[in-house]
Structures are given as structure tokens and as C-alpha cells.
């Protein structure tokens, strides 16, 4: 049971002592790159940027039909995180995955596949760099990207739907890495 002594006062923004964009760019990053494979909603893209900023993700890779900053729609949910978080664009997610693997990243697609690793059993290793691929809101991660990945993570679900919103999934996955590696 959690008990509270006294009144709980919300902390004012100025008291939070957040990093400036320049300080953020120089700060140590979570060894994680988030790859978005044909994510169509700019609001979802913006949300991924904002969550990536919160946990100092190394970069966001935008692939295929993903729109790129500057964008009013991305900014509405990113709230400026598209300026702090590094990003790159690739014509396809497969191109991004191939480059990541060639530069020493362990690439994990977040998808429901045979022999997936359930998220609750996955333990990121501190001596590795990771990339996670999140797919299109309807079709998920392209099969050729799944095939090129080193493995797949799956978030177990108990309800009637077979998937969650991509930005919600990103938050869960990014938090798992942050909790294991830096928090």
C-alpha cells in the first residue's frame, strides 16, 4: 500500500531542469535506434519522437511512406522532440536494417511471429547496440524486414484486438530498454 504524507504539489516545468536541445544532443544516449517501417500517421511519428526524447534514444529512422520533419502534424505530438532527437530517412526499412546490421546493431522487429521473444522475458545486454523496427498501423513490419532481423519481440496481449497503436507499442518497447539499461 502506498501512503502519502502531506499535500502533493505538481512540479513546475522550470523546476524540472530539463536539458536544452544542445545539451540533449551532447548527452549520452540509450543505445537504441527506433526504425519506423511505413508508419502512415504523422501523429504517431510525432509521438515516437516525443517518447524517444524522454528516454534519450539515439535516433529515429523514418522509412518508406513515413513523413519527415519539418511537419506541422508531426510537431503537434512531438512538441519539438523532432528537433532534439536525431533522425534519418531511408527509402525502405530493409535498407535501414541492412545498414544497422553492418554497423554492429542487433535488430529486433516488434511483431507477432512464430518463435518470437515475449517482451517480459527479454533482457537487453549492456554491451550491445540495438535497433527496434515498428511497423505500419495496419500491415505491421514487412516480412522481408522480419526475415532480415536478428529476432522479434512480442508484447503479449490479453484482449480481443491483435495489435496496439504503434506509438503505444514504441513507448512500451523503449521503456523496456531504458529500464534495463539506464534507469
Protein backbone atom coordinates (compact mmCIF):
# COMPACT_ATOMS: atom_id res chain seq x y z
CA UNK A 1 0.00 0.00 0.00
CA UNK A 2 1.31 3.44 -0.89
CA UNK A 3 0.77 6.17 1.64
CA UNK A 4 1.38 9.86 1.20
CA UNK A 5 2.34 12.32 3.88
CA UNK A 6 1.11 15.81 3.19
CA UNK A 7 -0.04 17.52 0.07
CA UNK A 8 1.31 16.52 -3.33
CA UNK A 9 2.21 19.58 -5.36
CA UNK A 10 2.78 19.34 -9.08
CA UNK A 11 6.33 20.24 -10.03
CA UNK A 12 6.55 23.32 -12.22
CA UNK A 13 8.29 22.98 -15.57
CA UNK A 14 11.07 25.36 -14.53
CA UNK A 15 11.83 23.13 -11.52
CA UNK A 16 12.40 20.07 -13.72
CA UNK A 17 15.74 21.38 -15.03
CA UNK A 18 15.35 19.67 -18.39
CA UNK A 19 18.19 19.66 -20.91
CA UNK A 20 18.39 22.25 -23.63
CA UNK A 21 18.38 20.90 -27.19
CA UNK A 22 22.15 21.45 -27.39
CA UNK A 23 22.70 19.66 -24.06
CA UNK A 24 20.46 16.82 -25.24
CA UNK A 25 22.46 16.40 -28.43
CA UNK A 26 25.69 16.11 -26.40
CA UNK A 27 24.27 13.85 -23.67
CA UNK A 28 24.88 10.11 -23.52
CA UNK A 29 22.13 8.21 -25.36
CA UNK A 30 20.29 4.98 -24.81
CA UNK A 31 21.96 2.55 -27.26
CA UNK A 32 18.74 2.17 -29.24
CA UNK A 33 17.53 3.28 -32.65
CA UNK A 34 13.81 3.16 -33.42
CA UNK A 35 13.02 2.27 -37.03
CA UNK A 36 9.54 3.11 -38.33
CA UNK A 37 8.55 0.90 -41.28
CA UNK A 38 5.87 2.63 -43.38
CA UNK A 39 4.13 4.33 -40.44
CA UNK A 40 1.47 6.48 -42.10
CA UNK A 41 0.23 8.70 -39.27
CA UNK A 42 2.30 11.80 -38.68
CA UNK A 43 0.76 11.99 -35.21
CA UNK A 44 2.16 8.53 -34.43
CA UNK A 45 5.55 9.58 -35.79
CA UNK A 46 5.49 12.69 -33.60
CA UNK A 47 4.57 10.64 -30.57
CA UNK A 48 7.50 8.29 -31.20
CA UNK A 49 9.82 11.31 -31.37
CA UNK A 50 8.49 12.61 -28.05
CA UNK A 51 8.91 9.26 -26.28
CA UNK A 52 12.36 8.88 -27.85
CA UNK A 53 13.33 12.26 -26.44
CA UNK A 54 12.07 11.32 -22.97
CA UNK A 55 14.45 8.34 -22.81
CA UNK A 56 17.30 9.83 -24.89
CA UNK A 57 17.02 7.30 -27.71
CA UNK A 58 19.97 7.52 -30.09
CA UNK A 59 17.88 8.14 -33.23
CA UNK A 60 14.65 7.54 -35.10
CA UNK A 61 14.84 6.16 -38.63
CA UNK A 62 11.87 7.03 -40.85
CA UNK A 63 11.31 4.63 -43.73
CA UNK A 64 9.09 4.31 -46.78
CA UNK A 65 5.85 6.29 -46.57
CA UNK A 66 6.81 7.91 -43.24
CA UNK A 67 6.71 11.68 -43.46
CA UNK A 68 9.72 13.58 -42.17
CA UNK A 69 10.18 16.81 -40.24
CA UNK A 70 9.50 19.62 -40.60
CA UNK A 71 5.80 18.86 -40.44
CA UNK A 72 3.00 20.60 -38.57
CA UNK A 73 1.31 17.27 -37.88
CA UNK A 74 4.50 15.64 -36.53
CA UNK A 75 5.17 18.72 -34.40
CA UNK A 76 1.67 18.59 -32.84
CA UNK A 77 2.57 15.41 -30.94
CA UNK A 78 6.38 15.68 -30.90
CA UNK A 79 6.21 19.14 -29.29
CA UNK A 80 9.73 19.92 -30.52
CA UNK A 81 11.30 16.49 -29.95
CA UNK A 82 11.79 16.23 -33.71
CA UNK A 83 14.45 18.92 -33.19
CA UNK A 84 16.28 17.18 -30.33
CA UNK A 85 16.20 13.55 -31.48
CA UNK A 86 18.45 12.67 -34.42
CA UNK A 87 16.64 11.16 -37.37
CA UNK A 88 17.32 9.81 -40.84
CA UNK A 89 15.15 8.83 -43.77
CA UNK A 90 15.51 5.59 -45.76
CA UNK A 91 13.57 4.58 -48.87
CA UNK A 92 12.81 1.22 -47.23
CA UNK A 93 13.13 -0.22 -43.76
CA UNK A 94 15.14 -3.08 -45.26
CA UNK A 95 17.83 -0.56 -46.31
CA UNK A 96 17.91 0.80 -42.75
CA UNK A 97 18.12 -2.69 -41.24
CA UNK A 98 20.95 -3.72 -43.56
CA UNK A 99 22.94 -0.59 -42.64
CA UNK A 100 22.28 -1.10 -38.94
CA UNK A 101 23.41 -4.72 -39.03
CA UNK A 102 26.54 -3.76 -40.98
CA UNK A 103 27.41 -1.24 -38.26
CA UNK A 104 27.04 -3.68 -35.36
CA UNK A 105 23.44 -3.24 -34.23
CA UNK A 106 21.27 -6.10 -33.09
CA UNK A 107 18.00 -5.58 -34.98
CA UNK A 108 14.73 -6.73 -33.47
CA UNK A 109 11.38 -6.35 -35.18
CA UNK A 110 8.36 -5.88 -32.95
CA UNK A 111 5.92 -8.30 -34.48
CA UNK A 112 3.79 -11.35 -33.78
CA UNK A 113 5.71 -14.22 -35.36
CA UNK A 114 6.44 -17.85 -34.67
CA UNK A 115 9.21 -18.19 -32.06
CA UNK A 116 9.06 -14.53 -31.03
CA UNK A 117 10.62 -13.48 -27.74
CA UNK A 118 7.97 -12.29 -25.31
CA UNK A 119 8.87 -8.84 -24.03
CA UNK A 120 8.69 -9.82 -20.36
CA UNK A 121 11.44 -12.43 -20.87
CA UNK A 122 13.75 -10.22 -22.95
CA UNK A 123 16.80 -8.76 -21.21
CA UNK A 124 18.82 -6.26 -23.28
CA UNK A 125 22.57 -6.71 -22.94
CA UNK A 126 24.51 -3.61 -21.87
CA UNK A 127 27.38 -4.29 -24.26
CA UNK A 128 25.18 -4.21 -27.39
CA UNK A 129 23.62 -1.56 -29.58
CA UNK A 130 20.02 -2.26 -30.56
CA UNK A 131 17.54 -1.21 -33.19
CA UNK A 132 13.83 -1.99 -32.99
CA UNK A 133 11.58 -1.96 -36.03
CA UNK A 134 7.96 -0.91 -35.62
CA UNK A 135 5.56 -1.43 -38.50
CA UNK A 136 2.67 0.10 -40.34
CA UNK A 137 -0.51 0.67 -38.37
CA UNK A 138 -2.42 -1.95 -40.39
CA UNK A 139 0.10 -4.30 -42.02
CA UNK A 140 2.86 -4.32 -39.40
CA UNK A 141 6.52 -4.88 -40.21
CA UNK A 142 7.23 -6.04 -43.78
CA UNK A 143 8.05 -9.77 -43.95
CA UNK A 144 11.41 -9.12 -45.65
CA UNK A 145 12.34 -6.86 -42.72
CA UNK A 146 11.29 -9.57 -40.25
CA UNK A 147 13.43 -12.03 -42.22
CA UNK A 148 16.46 -9.70 -42.07
CA UNK A 149 16.07 -9.08 -38.33
CA UNK A 150 18.09 -10.86 -35.66
CA UNK A 151 14.88 -11.69 -33.84
CA UNK A 152 11.40 -10.49 -32.99
CA UNK A 153 9.95 -9.11 -29.79
CA UNK A 154 6.28 -9.55 -29.00
CA UNK A 155 4.18 -7.74 -26.43
CA UNK A 156 1.68 -10.28 -25.06
CA UNK A 157 -1.92 -9.09 -25.30
CA UNK A 158 -4.95 -10.39 -23.46
CA UNK A 159 -7.89 -8.69 -25.15
CA UNK A 160 -9.75 -9.09 -28.42
CA UNK A 161 -7.51 -6.91 -30.61
CA UNK A 162 -4.43 -8.32 -32.30
CA UNK A 163 -2.32 -5.16 -32.05
CA UNK A 164 -1.81 -1.85 -30.27
CA UNK A 165 -1.24 1.61 -31.65
CA UNK A 166 2.33 1.90 -32.96
CA UNK A 167 3.14 4.87 -30.73
CA UNK A 168 1.91 2.99 -27.64
CA UNK A 169 3.99 -0.01 -28.68
CA UNK A 170 7.01 2.27 -29.10
CA UNK A 171 6.54 3.60 -25.57
CA UNK A 172 6.39 0.12 -24.07
CA UNK A 173 9.42 -1.11 -26.01
CA UNK A 174 11.55 1.99 -25.39
CA UNK A 175 10.73 1.86 -21.68
CA UNK A 176 11.83 -1.80 -21.52
CA UNK A 177 15.25 -0.85 -22.93
CA UNK A 178 15.57 2.21 -20.68
CA UNK A 179 14.55 0.26 -17.58
CA UNK A 180 17.11 -2.45 -18.31
CA UNK A 181 20.00 -0.28 -19.47
CA UNK A 182 19.83 3.15 -17.80
CA UNK A 183 17.12 3.55 -15.16
